[in-house]
Amino acid sequence: MRDAIFKIAERKIQEAIENGDLDNLPGAGKPLKLETDFHVPEDLRATYGILRQAGVLPEELDLQQAIAKLEEMLAAAPSAEEAGRLKAKLMEKRLHYDILMEKRRKKPLHIY
């Protein structure tokens, strides 16, 4: 089933290319702005991307992204001094995230 869907999608893309439907799209010829969403579960990445583009990311997702970035930077830290600075920032972000998540667990969800 999955292969059939990919084949149909590929055919539709090819038809659009041949018909010129993909010519002159906004951002054509410009580099893609790729964000690292590897810390977001795969099934939530599309939703995360939409929320990010709309500028309405929940704070915990921003914190998760910052934590993931700091972890990458820490792994590549050029000096012990820089590693220490990054560890402190990482601990601060993790604490902020933990406090936020604890508040969310205690706060009842209101649906209007």
PDB file of N, CA and C in Angstrom:
ATOM      1  N   MET A   1       0.826  -1.197   0.000  1.00  0.00           N
ATOM      2  CA  MET A   1       0.000   0.000   0.000  1.00  0.00           C
ATOM      3  C   MET A   1       0.872   1.264   0.000  1.00  0.00           C
ATOM      4  N   ARG A   2       1.897   1.247   0.868  1.00  0.00           N
ATOM      5  CA  ARG A   2       2.768   2.409   0.972  1.00  0.00           C
ATOM      6  C   ARG A   2       3.489   2.672  -0.352  1.00  0.00           C
ATOM      7  N   ASP A   3       3.968   1.609  -1.011  1.00  0.00           N
ATOM      8  CA  ASP A   3       4.652   1.771  -2.299  1.00  0.00           C
ATOM      9  C   ASP A   3       3.720   2.370  -3.340  1.00  0.00           C
ATOM     10  N   ALA A   4       2.467   1.970  -3.311  1.00  0.00           N
ATOM     11  CA  ALA A   4       1.489   2.500  -4.267  1.00  0.00           C
ATOM     12  C   ALA A   4       1.297   3.996  -4.056  1.00  0.00           C
ATOM     13  N   ILE A   5       1.237   4.421  -2.806  1.00  0.00           N
ATOM     14  CA  ILE A   5       1.066   5.847  -2.506  1.00  0.00           C
ATOM     15  C   ILE A   5       2.280   6.642  -2.978  1.00  0.00           C
ATOM     16  N   PHE A   6       3.474   6.101  -2.735  1.00  0.00           N
ATOM     17  CA  PHE A   6       4.685   6.776  -3.197  1.00  0.00           C
ATOM     18  C   PHE A   6       4.729   6.875  -4.714  1.00  0.00           C
ATOM     19  N   LYS A   7       4.305   5.822  -5.405  1.00  0.00           N
ATOM     20  CA  LYS A   7       4.295   5.840  -6.871  1.00  0.00           C
ATOM     21  C   LYS A   7       3.304   6.875  -7.403  1.00  0.00           C
ATOM     22  N   ILE A   8       2.133   6.960  -6.776  1.00  0.00           N
ATOM     23  CA  ILE A   8       1.140   7.955  -7.196  1.00  0.00           C
ATOM     24  C   ILE A   8       1.675   9.358  -6.952  1.00  0.00           C
ATOM     25  N   ALA A   9       2.263   9.580  -5.776  1.00  0.00           N
ATOM     26  CA  ALA A   9       2.815  10.898  -5.458  1.00  0.00           C
ATOM     27  C   ALA A   9       3.919  11.273  -6.433  1.00  0.00           C
ATOM     28  N   GLU A  10       4.797  10.325  -6.722  1.00  0.00           N
ATOM     29  CA  GLU A  10       5.893  10.579  -7.662  1.00  0.00           C
ATOM     30  C   GLU A  10       5.356  10.934  -9.040  1.00  0.00           C
ATOM     31  N   ARG A  11       4.322  10.216  -9.479  1.00  0.00           N
ATOM     32  CA  ARG A  11       3.721  10.483 -10.792  1.00  0.00           C
ATOM     33  C   ARG A  11       3.104  11.885 -10.825  1.00  0.00           C
ATOM     34  N   LYS A  12       2.396  12.268  -9.749  1.00  0.00           N
ATOM     35  CA  LYS A  12       1.770  13.595  -9.684  1.00  0.00           C
ATOM     36  C   LYS A  12       2.831  14.696  -9.688  1.00  0.00           C
ATOM     37  N   ILE A  13       3.913  14.482  -8.976  1.00  0.00           N
ATOM     38  CA  ILE A  13       5.002  15.464  -8.959  1.00  0.00           C
ATOM     39  C   ILE A  13       5.602  15.593 -10.354  1.00  0.00           C
ATOM     40  N   GLN A  14       5.844  14.480 -10.995  1.00  0.00           N
ATOM     41  CA  GLN A  14       6.417  14.486 -12.342  1.00  0.00           C
ATOM     42  C   GLN A  14       5.495  15.221 -13.321  1.00  0.00           C
ATOM     43  N   GLU A  15       4.192  14.970 -13.221  1.00  0.00           N
ATOM     44  CA  GLU A  15       3.225  15.664 -14.083  1.00  0.00           C
ATOM     45  C   GLU A  15       3.254  17.175 -13.831  1.00  0.00           C
ATOM     46  N   ALA A  16       3.324  17.571 -12.559  1.00  0.00           N
ATOM     47  CA  ALA A  16       3.367  18.991 -12.219  1.00  0.00           C
ATOM     48  C   ALA A  16       4.623  19.648 -12.774  1.00  0.00           C
ATOM     49  N   ILE A  17       5.747  18.944 -12.719  1.00  0.00           N
ATOM     50  CA  ILE A  17       6.996  19.468 -13.283  1.00  0.00           C
ATOM     51  C   ILE A  17       6.855  19.653 -14.781  1.00  0.00           C
ATOM     52  N   GLU A  18       6.340  18.641 -15.448  1.00  0.00           N
ATOM     53  CA  GLU A  18       6.186  18.696 -16.898  1.00  0.00           C
ATOM     54  C   GLU A  18       5.213  19.788 -17.329  1.00  0.00           C
ATOM     55  N   ASN A  19       4.158  20.027 -16.537  1.00  0.00           N
ATOM     56  CA  ASN A  19       3.168  21.059 -16.870  1.00  0.00           C
ATOM     57  C   ASN A  19       3.621  22.460 -16.469  1.00  0.00           C
ATOM     58  N   GLY A  20       4.750  22.551 -15.774  1.00  0.00           N
ATOM     59  CA  GLY A  20       5.244  23.858 -15.339  1.00  0.00           C
ATOM     60  C   GLY A  20       4.538  24.384 -14.102  1.00  0.00           C
ATOM     61  N   ASP A  21       3.768  23.534 -13.434  1.00  0.00           N
ATOM     62  CA  ASP A  21       3.031  23.972 -12.247  1.00  0.00           C
ATOM     63  C   ASP A  21       3.940  24.326 -11.078  1.00  0.00           C
ATOM     64  N   LEU A  22       5.171  23.852 -11.108  1.00  0.00           N
ATOM     65  CA  LEU A  22       6.093  24.119 -10.006  1.00  0.00           C
ATOM     66  C   LEU A  22       7.086  25.227 -10.329  1.00  0.00           C
ATOM     67  N   ASP A  23       6.937  25.835 -11.492  1.00  0.00           N
ATOM     68  CA  ASP A  23       7.804  26.948 -11.869  1.00  0.00           C
ATOM     69  C   ASP A  23       7.403  28.207 -11.105  1.00  0.00           C
ATOM     70  N   ASN A  24       8.364  29.035 -10.799  1.00  0.00           N
ATOM     71  CA  ASN A  24       8.144  30.339 -10.174  1.00  0.00           C
ATOM     72  C   ASN A  24       7.437  30.261  -8.824  1.00  0.00           C
ATOM     73  N   LEU A  25       7.720  29.239  -8.046  1.00  0.00           N
ATOM     74  CA  LEU A  25       7.162  29.144  -6.699  1.00  0.00           C
ATOM     75  C   LEU A  25       7.882  30.118  -5.780  1.00  0.00           C
ATOM     76  N   PRO A  26       7.204  30.607  -4.728  1.00  0.00           N
ATOM     77  CA  PRO A  26       7.892  31.497  -3.787  1.00  0.00           C
ATOM     78  C   PRO A  26       9.119  30.794  -3.201  1.00  0.00           C
ATOM     79  N   GLY A  27      10.214  31.497  -3.152  1.00  0.00           N
ATOM     80  CA  GLY A  27      11.439  30.931  -2.597  1.00  0.00           C
ATOM     81  C   GLY A  27      12.240  30.117  -3.599  1.00  0.00           C
ATOM     82  N   ALA A  28      11.787  30.054  -4.840  1.00  0.00           N
ATOM     83  CA  ALA A  28      12.512  29.286  -5.852  1.00  0.00           C
ATOM     84  C   ALA A  28      13.932  29.828  -5.998  1.00  0.00           C
ATOM     85  N   GLY A  29      14.894  28.928  -6.036  1.00  0.00           N
ATOM     86  CA  GLY A  29      16.284  29.310  -6.198  1.00  0.00           C
ATOM     87  C   GLY A  29      16.964  29.751  -4.918  1.00  0.00           C
ATOM     88  N   LYS A  30      16.220  29.747  -3.802  1.00  0.00           N
ATOM     89  CA  LYS A  30      16.791  30.135  -2.519  1.00  0.00           C
ATOM     90  C   LYS A  30      17.026  28.874  -1.687  1.00  0.00           C
ATOM     91  N   PRO A  31      18.011  28.904  -0.799  1.00  0.00           N
ATOM     92  CA  PRO A  31      18.258  27.721   0.034  1.00  0.00           C
ATOM     93  C   PRO A  31      17.065  27.452   0.954  1.00  0.00           C
ATOM     94  N   LEU A  32      16.834  26.187   1.212  1.00  0.00           N
ATOM     95  CA  LEU A  32      15.780  25.810   2.139  1.00  0.00           C
ATOM     96  C   LEU A  32      16.198  26.157   3.548  1.00  0.00           C
ATOM     97  N   LYS A  33      15.253  26.611   4.341  1.00  0.00           N
ATOM     98  CA  LYS A  33      15.530  26.868   5.754  1.00  0.00           C
ATOM     99  C   LYS A  33      15.126  25.604   6.500  1.00  0.00           C
ATOM    100  N   LEU A  34      16.113  24.766   6.748  1.00  0.00           N
ATOM    101  CA  LEU A  34      15.845  23.504   7.419  1.00  0.00           C
ATOM    102  C   LEU A  34      16.111  23.647   8.916  1.00  0.00           C
ATOM    103  N   GLU A  35      15.148  23.243   9.715  1.00  0.00           N
ATOM    104  CA  GLU A  35      15.286  23.247  11.161  1.00  0.00           C
ATOM    105  C   GLU A  35      15.569  21.815  11.598  1.00  0.00           C
ATOM    106  N   THR A  36      16.299  21.660  12.660  1.00  0.00           N
ATOM    107  CA  THR A  36      16.564  20.335  13.199  1.00  0.00           C
ATOM    108  C   THR A  36      15.428  19.958  14.130  1.00  0.00           C
ATOM    109  N   ASP A  37      14.617  19.003  13.706  1.00  0.00           N
ATOM    110  CA  ASP A  37      13.487  18.553  14.512  1.00  0.00           C
ATOM    111  C   ASP A  37      13.683  17.125  14.989  1.00  0.00           C
ATOM    112  N   PHE A  38      14.917  16.673  15.070  1.00  0.00           N
ATOM    113  CA  PHE A  38      15.162  15.283  15.421  1.00  0.00           C
ATOM    114  C   PHE A  38      14.729  14.957  16.844  1.00  0.00           C
ATOM    115  N   HIS A  39      14.648  15.979  17.710  1.00  0.00           N
ATOM    116  CA  HIS A  39      14.215  15.755  19.082  1.00  0.00           C
ATOM    117  C   HIS A  39      12.701  15.606  19.193  1.00  0.00           C
ATOM    118  N   VAL A  40      11.974  15.938  18.119  1.00  0.00           N
ATOM    119  CA  VAL A  40      10.519  15.817  18.095  1.00  0.00           C
ATOM    120  C   VAL A  40      10.163  14.444  17.541  1.00  0.00           C
ATOM    121  N   PRO A  41       9.250  13.723  18.200  1.00  0.00           N
ATOM    122  CA  PRO A  41       8.854  12.416  17.662  1.00  0.00           C
ATOM    123  C   PRO A  41       8.393  12.542  16.215  1.00  0.00           C
ATOM    124  N   GLU A  42       8.732  11.553  15.418  1.00  0.00           N
ATOM    125  CA  GLU A  42       8.466  11.601  13.977  1.00  0.00           C
ATOM    126  C   GLU A  42       7.007  11.905  13.657  1.00  0.00           C
ATOM    127  N   ASP A  43       6.086  11.336  14.418  1.00  0.00           N
ATOM    128  CA  ASP A  43       4.668  11.537  14.132  1.00  0.00           C
ATOM    129  C   ASP A  43       4.181  12.945  14.479  1.00  0.00           C
ATOM    130  N   LEU A  44       5.006  13.738  15.159  1.00  0.00           N
ATOM    131  CA  LEU A  44       4.624  15.106  15.510  1.00  0.00           C
ATOM    132  C   LEU A  44       5.378  16.160  14.712  1.00  0.00           C
ATOM    133  N   ARG A  45       6.315  15.753  13.867  1.00  0.00           N
ATOM    134  CA  ARG A  45       7.168  16.728  13.168  1.00  0.00           C
ATOM    135  C   ARG A  45       6.388  17.640  12.230  1.00  0.00           C
ATOM    136  N   ALA A  46       5.417  17.107  11.521  1.00  0.00           N
ATOM    137  CA  ALA A  46       4.644  17.946  10.596  1.00  0.00           C
ATOM    138  C   ALA A  46       3.872  19.004  11.381  1.00  0.00           C
ATOM    139  N   THR A  47       3.242  18.591  12.463  1.00  0.00           N
ATOM    140  CA  THR A  47       2.498  19.527  13.305  1.00  0.00           C
ATOM    141  C   THR A  47       3.435  20.577  13.885  1.00  0.00           C
ATOM    142  N   TYR A  48       4.579  20.137  14.358  1.00  0.00           N
ATOM    143  CA  TYR A  48       5.583  21.030  14.921  1.00  0.00           C
ATOM    144  C   TYR A  48       5.993  22.074  13.874  1.00  0.00           C
ATOM    145  N   GLY A  49       6.245  21.614  12.652  1.00  0.00           N
ATOM    146  CA  GLY A  49       6.644  22.534  11.580  1.00  0.00           C
ATOM    147  C   GLY A  49       5.583  23.577  11.290  1.00  0.00           C
ATOM    148  N   ILE A  50       4.329  23.160  11.271  1.00  0.00           N
ATOM    149  CA  ILE A  50       3.225  24.089  11.007  1.00  0.00           C
ATOM    150  C   ILE A  50       3.123  25.121  12.122  1.00  0.00           C
ATOM    151  N   LEU A  51       3.193  24.647  13.368  1.00  0.00           N
ATOM    152  CA  LEU A  51       3.128  25.573  14.506  1.00  0.00           C
ATOM    153  C   LEU A  51       4.300  26.546  14.498  1.00  0.00           C
ATOM    154  N   ARG A  52       5.505  26.054  14.172  1.00  0.00           N
ATOM    155  CA  ARG A  52       6.684  26.909  14.135  1.00  0.00           C
ATOM    156  C   ARG A  52       6.522  27.985  13.061  1.00  0.00           C
ATOM    157  N   GLN A  53       6.051  27.602  11.882  1.00  0.00           N
ATOM    158  CA  GLN A  53       5.873  28.575  10.803  1.00  0.00           C
ATOM    159  C   GLN A  53       4.815  29.617  11.149  1.00  0.00           C
ATOM    160  N   ALA A  54       3.816  29.200  11.924  1.00  0.00           N
ATOM    161  CA  ALA A  54       2.761  30.133  12.335  1.00  0.00           C
ATOM    162  C   ALA A  54       3.187  30.985  13.525  1.00  0.00           C
ATOM    163  N   GLY A  55       4.333  30.652  14.109  1.00  0.00           N
ATOM    164  CA  GLY A  55       4.840  31.407  15.247  1.00  0.00           C
ATOM    165  C   GLY A  55       4.087  31.147  16.542  1.00  0.00           C
ATOM    166  N   VAL A  56       3.509  29.959  16.682  1.00  0.00           N
ATOM    167  CA  VAL A  56       2.717  29.645  17.867  1.00  0.00           C
ATOM    168  C   VAL A  56       3.171  28.350  18.539  1.00  0.00           C
ATOM    169  N   LEU A  57       4.470  28.135  18.594  1.00  0.00           N
ATOM    170  CA  LEU A  57       4.981  26.941  19.253  1.00  0.00           C
ATOM    171  C   LEU A  57       4.744  27.006  20.753  1.00  0.00           C
ATOM    172  N   PRO A  58       4.299  25.905  21.350  1.00  0.00           N
ATOM    173  CA  PRO A  58       4.225  25.880  22.807  1.00  0.00           C
ATOM    174  C   PRO A  58       5.635  26.044  23.388  1.00  0.00           C
ATOM    175  N   GLU A  59       5.710  26.648  24.546  1.00  0.00           N
ATOM    176  CA  GLU A  59       7.005  26.955  25.153  1.00  0.00           C
ATOM    177  C   GLU A  59       7.863  25.708  25.338  1.00  0.00           C
ATOM    178  N   GLU A  60       7.230  24.577  25.690  1.00  0.00           N
ATOM    179  CA  GLU A  60       8.026  23.370  25.920  1.00  0.00           C
ATOM    180  C   GLU A  60       8.730  22.896  24.653  1.00  0.00           C
ATOM    181  N   LEU A  61       8.131  23.135  23.488  1.00  0.00           N
ATOM    182  CA  LEU A  61       8.794  22.739  22.245  1.00  0.00           C
ATOM    183  C   LEU A  61       9.984  23.635  21.951  1.00  0.00           C
ATOM    184  N   ASP A  62       9.836  24.924  22.240  1.00  0.00           N
ATOM    185  CA  ASP A  62      10.980  25.832  22.091  1.00  0.00           C
ATOM    186  C   ASP A  62      12.115  25.395  23.019  1.00  0.00           C
ATOM    187  N   LEU A  63      11.767  25.025  24.245  1.00  0.00           N
ATOM    188  CA  LEU A  63      12.783  24.588  25.203  1.00  0.00           C
ATOM    189  C   LEU A  63      13.440  23.290  24.757  1.00  0.00           C
ATOM    190  N   GLN A  64      12.657  22.350  24.245  1.00  0.00           N
ATOM    191  CA  GLN A  64      13.225  21.098  23.742  1.00  0.00           C
ATOM    192  C   GLN A  64      14.209  21.367  22.616  1.00  0.00           C
ATOM    193  N   GLN A  65      13.849  22.284  21.738  1.00  0.00           N
ATOM    194  CA  GLN A  65      14.739  22.627  20.627  1.00  0.00           C
ATOM    195  C   GLN A  65      16.021  23.269  21.152  1.00  0.00           C
ATOM    196  N   ALA A  66      15.897  24.157  22.119  1.00  0.00           N
ATOM    197  CA  ALA A  66      17.073  24.811  22.694  1.00  0.00           C
ATOM    198  C   ALA A  66      17.959  23.792  23.403  1.00  0.00           C
ATOM    199  N   ILE A  67      17.344  22.858  24.120  1.00  0.00           N
ATOM    200  CA  ILE A  67      18.106  21.813  24.814  1.00  0.00           C
ATOM    201  C   ILE A  67      18.865  20.951  23.816  1.00  0.00           C
ATOM    202  N   ALA A  68      18.198  20.546  22.742  1.00  0.00           N
ATOM    203  CA  ALA A  68      18.853  19.717  21.721  1.00  0.00           C
ATOM    204  C   ALA A  68      20.028  20.461  21.091  1.00  0.00           C
ATOM    205  N   LYS A  69      19.855  21.750  20.821  1.00  0.00           N
ATOM    206  CA  LYS A  69      20.929  22.559  20.227  1.00  0.00           C
ATOM    207  C   LYS A  69      22.110  22.680  21.195  1.00  0.00           C
ATOM    208  N   LEU A  70      21.812  22.920  22.466  1.00  0.00           N
ATOM    209  CA  LEU A  70      22.888  23.022  23.460  1.00  0.00           C
ATOM    210  C   LEU A  70      23.633  21.697  23.610  1.00  0.00           C
ATOM    211  N   GLU A  71      22.907  20.583  23.547  1.00  0.00           N
ATOM    212  CA  GLU A  71      23.567  19.275  23.633  1.00  0.00           C
ATOM    213  C   GLU A  71      24.522  19.066  22.453  1.00  0.00           C
ATOM    214  N   GLU A  72      24.089  19.488  21.260  1.00  0.00           N
ATOM    215  CA  GLU A  72      24.966  19.391  20.080  1.00  0.00           C
ATOM    216  C   GLU A  72      26.207  20.266  20.261  1.00  0.00           C
ATOM    217  N   MET A  73      25.992  21.476  20.739  1.00  0.00           N
ATOM    218  CA  MET A  73      27.107  22.400  20.926  1.00  0.00           C
ATOM    219  C   MET A  73      28.068  21.885  21.994  1.00  0.00           C
ATOM    220  N   LEU A  74      27.521  21.297  23.057  1.00  0.00           N
ATOM    221  CA  LEU A  74      28.358  20.757  24.129  1.00  0.00           C
ATOM    222  C   LEU A  74      29.229  19.614  23.623  1.00  0.00           C
ATOM    223  N   ALA A  75      28.647  18.771  22.787  1.00  0.00           N
ATOM    224  CA  ALA A  75      29.399  17.644  22.236  1.00  0.00           C
ATOM    225  C   ALA A  75      30.568  18.123  21.372  1.00  0.00           C
ATOM    226  N   ALA A  76      30.440  19.312  20.796  1.00  0.00           N
ATOM    227  CA  ALA A  76      31.480  19.838  19.916  1.00  0.00           C
ATOM    228  C   ALA A  76      32.254  20.996  20.553  1.00  0.00           C
ATOM    229  N   ALA A  77      32.116  21.170  21.859  1.00  0.00           N
ATOM    230  CA  ALA A  77      32.769  22.299  22.533  1.00  0.00           C
ATOM    231  C   ALA A  77      34.285  22.245  22.333  1.00  0.00           C
ATOM    232  N   PRO A  78      34.889  23.359  21.906  1.00  0.00           N
ATOM    233  CA  PRO A  78      36.321  23.382  21.614  1.00  0.00           C
ATOM    234  C   PRO A  78      37.215  23.455  22.848  1.00  0.00           C
ATOM    235  N   SER A  79      36.637  23.801  24.005  1.00  0.00           N
ATOM    236  CA  SER A  79      37.475  23.927  25.205  1.00  0.00           C
ATOM    237  C   SER A  79      36.666  23.544  26.440  1.00  0.00           C
ATOM    238  N   ALA A  80      37.374  23.275  27.525  1.00  0.00           N
ATOM    239  CA  ALA A  80      36.718  22.944  28.785  1.00  0.00           C
ATOM    240  C   ALA A  80      35.931  24.147  29.310  1.00  0.00           C
ATOM    241  N   GLU A  81      36.457  25.329  29.073  1.00  0.00           N
ATOM    242  CA  GLU A  81      35.772  26.551  29.510  1.00  0.00           C
ATOM    243  C   GLU A  81      34.430  26.696  28.796  1.00  0.00           C
ATOM    244  N   GLU A  82      34.450  26.497  27.487  1.00  0.00           N
ATOM    245  CA  GLU A  82      33.210  26.576  26.698  1.00  0.00           C
ATOM    246  C   GLU A  82      32.250  25.467  27.110  1.00  0.00           C
ATOM    247  N   ALA A  83      32.760  24.270  27.345  1.00  0.00           N
ATOM    248  CA  ALA A  83      31.923  23.147  27.771  1.00  0.00           C
ATOM    249  C   ALA A  83      31.247  23.474  29.106  1.00  0.00           C
ATOM    250  N   GLY A  84      31.974  24.081  30.022  1.00  0.00           N
ATOM    251  CA  GLY A  84      31.400  24.466  31.306  1.00  0.00           C
ATOM    252  C   GLY A  84      30.278  25.481  31.158  1.00  0.00           C
ATOM    253  N   ARG A  85      30.511  26.456  30.289  1.00  0.00           N
ATOM    254  CA  ARG A  85      29.486  27.482  30.027  1.00  0.00           C
ATOM    255  C   ARG A  85      28.238  26.842  29.428  1.00  0.00           C
ATOM    256  N   LEU A  86      28.437  25.930  28.472  1.00  0.00           N
ATOM    257  CA  LEU A  86      27.307  25.269  27.820  1.00  0.00           C
ATOM    258  C   LEU A  86      26.563  24.349  28.787  1.00  0.00           C
ATOM    259  N   LYS A  87      27.302  23.664  29.669  1.00  0.00           N
ATOM    260  CA  LYS A  87      26.656  22.795  30.668  1.00  0.00           C
ATOM    261  C   LYS A  87      25.746  23.610  31.579  1.00  0.00           C
ATOM    262  N   ALA A  88      26.222  24.782  31.975  1.00  0.00           N
ATOM    263  CA  ALA A  88      25.411  25.642  32.843  1.00  0.00           C
ATOM    264  C   ALA A  88      24.132  26.075  32.134  1.00  0.00           C
ATOM    265  N   LYS A  89      24.251  26.484  30.871  1.00  0.00           N
ATOM    266  CA  LYS A  89      23.065  26.889  30.105  1.00  0.00           C
ATOM    267  C   LYS A  89      22.115  25.707  29.903  1.00  0.00           C
ATOM    268  N   LEU A  90      22.703  24.538  29.657  1.00  0.00           N
ATOM    269  CA  LEU A  90      21.902  23.338  29.452  1.00  0.00           C
ATOM    270  C   LEU A  90      21.137  22.983  30.728  1.00  0.00           C
ATOM    271  N   MET A  91      21.795  23.051  31.866  1.00  0.00           N
ATOM    272  CA  MET A  91      21.124  22.762  33.138  1.00  0.00           C
ATOM    273  C   MET A  91      19.987  23.756  33.389  1.00  0.00           C
ATOM    274  N   GLU A  92      20.215  25.012  33.051  1.00  0.00           N
ATOM    275  CA  GLU A  92      19.197  26.048  33.228  1.00  0.00           C
ATOM    276  C   GLU A  92      17.974  25.746  32.349  1.00  0.00           C
ATOM    277  N   LYS A  93      18.204  25.396  31.095  1.00  0.00           N
ATOM    278  CA  LYS A  93      17.098  25.087  30.178  1.00  0.00           C
ATOM    279  C   LYS A  93      16.347  23.835  30.624  1.00  0.00           C
ATOM    280  N   ARG A  94      17.078  22.811  31.066  1.00  0.00           N
ATOM    281  CA  ARG A  94      16.424  21.584  31.530  1.00  0.00           C
ATOM    282  C   ARG A  94      15.572  21.850  32.769  1.00  0.00           C
ATOM    283  N   LEU A  95      16.089  22.671  33.681  1.00  0.00           N
ATOM    284  CA  LEU A  95      15.334  23.017  34.881  1.00  0.00           C
ATOM    285  C   LEU A  95      14.064  23.779  34.500  1.00  0.00           C
ATOM    286  N   HIS A  96      14.196  24.743  33.624  1.00  0.00           N
ATOM    287  CA  HIS A  96      13.044  25.512  33.149  1.00  0.00           C
ATOM    288  C   HIS A  96      12.012  24.574  32.529  1.00  0.00           C
ATOM    289  N   TYR A  97      12.472  23.640  31.704  1.00  0.00           N
ATOM    290  CA  TYR A  97      11.577  22.668  31.059  1.00  0.00           C
ATOM    291  C   TYR A  97      10.879  21.798  32.105  1.00  0.00           C
ATOM    292  N   ASP A  98      11.626  21.289  33.072  1.00  0.00           N
ATOM    293  CA  ASP A  98      11.046  20.431  34.102  1.00  0.00           C
ATOM    294  C   ASP A  98       9.991  21.177  34.923  1.00  0.00           C
ATOM    295  N   ILE A  99      10.278  22.423  35.275  1.00  0.00           N
ATOM    296  CA  ILE A  99       9.318  23.233  36.034  1.00  0.00           C
ATOM    297  C   ILE A  99       8.057  23.459  35.206  1.00  0.00           C
ATOM    298  N   LEU A 100       8.227  23.798  33.939  1.00  0.00           N
ATOM    299  CA  LEU A 100       7.086  24.017  33.048  1.00  0.00           C
ATOM    300  C   LEU A 100       6.226  22.766  32.937  1.00  0.00           C
ATOM    301  N   MET A 101       6.871  21.620  32.750  1.00  0.00           N
ATOM    302  CA  MET A 101       6.122  20.382  32.590  1.00  0.00           C
ATOM    303  C   MET A 101       5.418  19.994  33.892  1.00  0.00           C
ATOM    304  N   GLU A 102       6.029  20.266  35.027  1.00  0.00           N
ATOM    305  CA  GLU A 102       5.384  19.986  36.310  1.00  0.00           C
ATOM    306  C   GLU A 102       4.136  20.856  36.473  1.00  0.00           C
ATOM    307  N   LYS A 103       4.228  22.116  36.093  1.00  0.00           N
ATOM    308  CA  LYS A 103       3.061  23.009  36.144  1.00  0.00           C
ATOM    309  C   LYS A 103       1.958  22.496  35.225  1.00  0.00           C
ATOM    310  N   ARG A 104       2.342  22.027  34.048  1.00  0.00           N
ATOM    311  CA  ARG A 104       1.342  21.521  33.096  1.00  0.00           C
ATOM    312  C   ARG A 104       0.651  20.275  33.631  1.00  0.00           C
ATOM    313  N   ARG A 105       1.394  19.426  34.338  1.00  0.00           N
ATOM    314  CA  ARG A 105       0.791  18.208  34.890  1.00  0.00           C
ATOM    315  C   ARG A 105      -0.222  18.544  35.980  1.00  0.00           C
ATOM    316  N   LYS A 106       0.042  19.593  36.729  1.00  0.00           N
ATOM    317  CA  LYS A 106      -0.837  19.980  37.836  1.00  0.00           C
ATOM    318  C   LYS A 106      -2.029  20.829  37.384  1.00  0.00           C
ATOM    319  N   LYS A 107      -1.874  21.487  36.276  1.00  0.00           N
ATOM    320  CA  LYS A 107      -2.909  22.404  35.798  1.00  0.00           C
ATOM    321  C   LYS A 107      -3.936  21.628  34.966  1.00  0.00           C
ATOM    322  N   PRO A 108      -5.225  21.722  35.313  1.00  0.00           N
ATOM    323  CA  PRO A 108      -6.236  21.022  34.519  1.00  0.00           C
ATOM    324  C   PRO A 108      -6.376  21.637  33.132  1.00  0.00           C
ATOM    325  N   LEU A 109      -6.675  20.808  32.168  1.00  0.00           N
ATOM    326  CA  LEU A 109      -6.847  21.258  30.788  1.00  0.00           C
ATOM    327  C   LEU A 109      -8.269  21.778  30.609  1.00  0.00           C
ATOM    328  N   HIS A 110      -8.382  23.010  30.146  1.00  0.00           N
ATOM    329  CA  HIS A 110      -9.696  23.600  29.894  1.00  0.00           C
ATOM    330  C   HIS A 110      -9.916  23.673  28.392  1.00  0.00           C
ATOM    331  N   ILE A 111     -10.979  23.067  27.945  1.00  0.00           N
ATOM    332  CA  ILE A 111     -11.333  23.123  26.528  1.00  0.00           C
ATOM    333  C   ILE A 111     -12.592  23.946  26.403  1.00  0.00           C
ATOM    334  N   TYR A 112     -12.509  24.986  25.608  1.00  0.00           N
ATOM    335  CA  TYR A 112     -13.636  25.897  25.462  1.00  0.00           C
ATOM    336  C   TYR A 112     -14.348  25.654  24.161  1.00  0.00           C
TER     337      TYR A 112
END
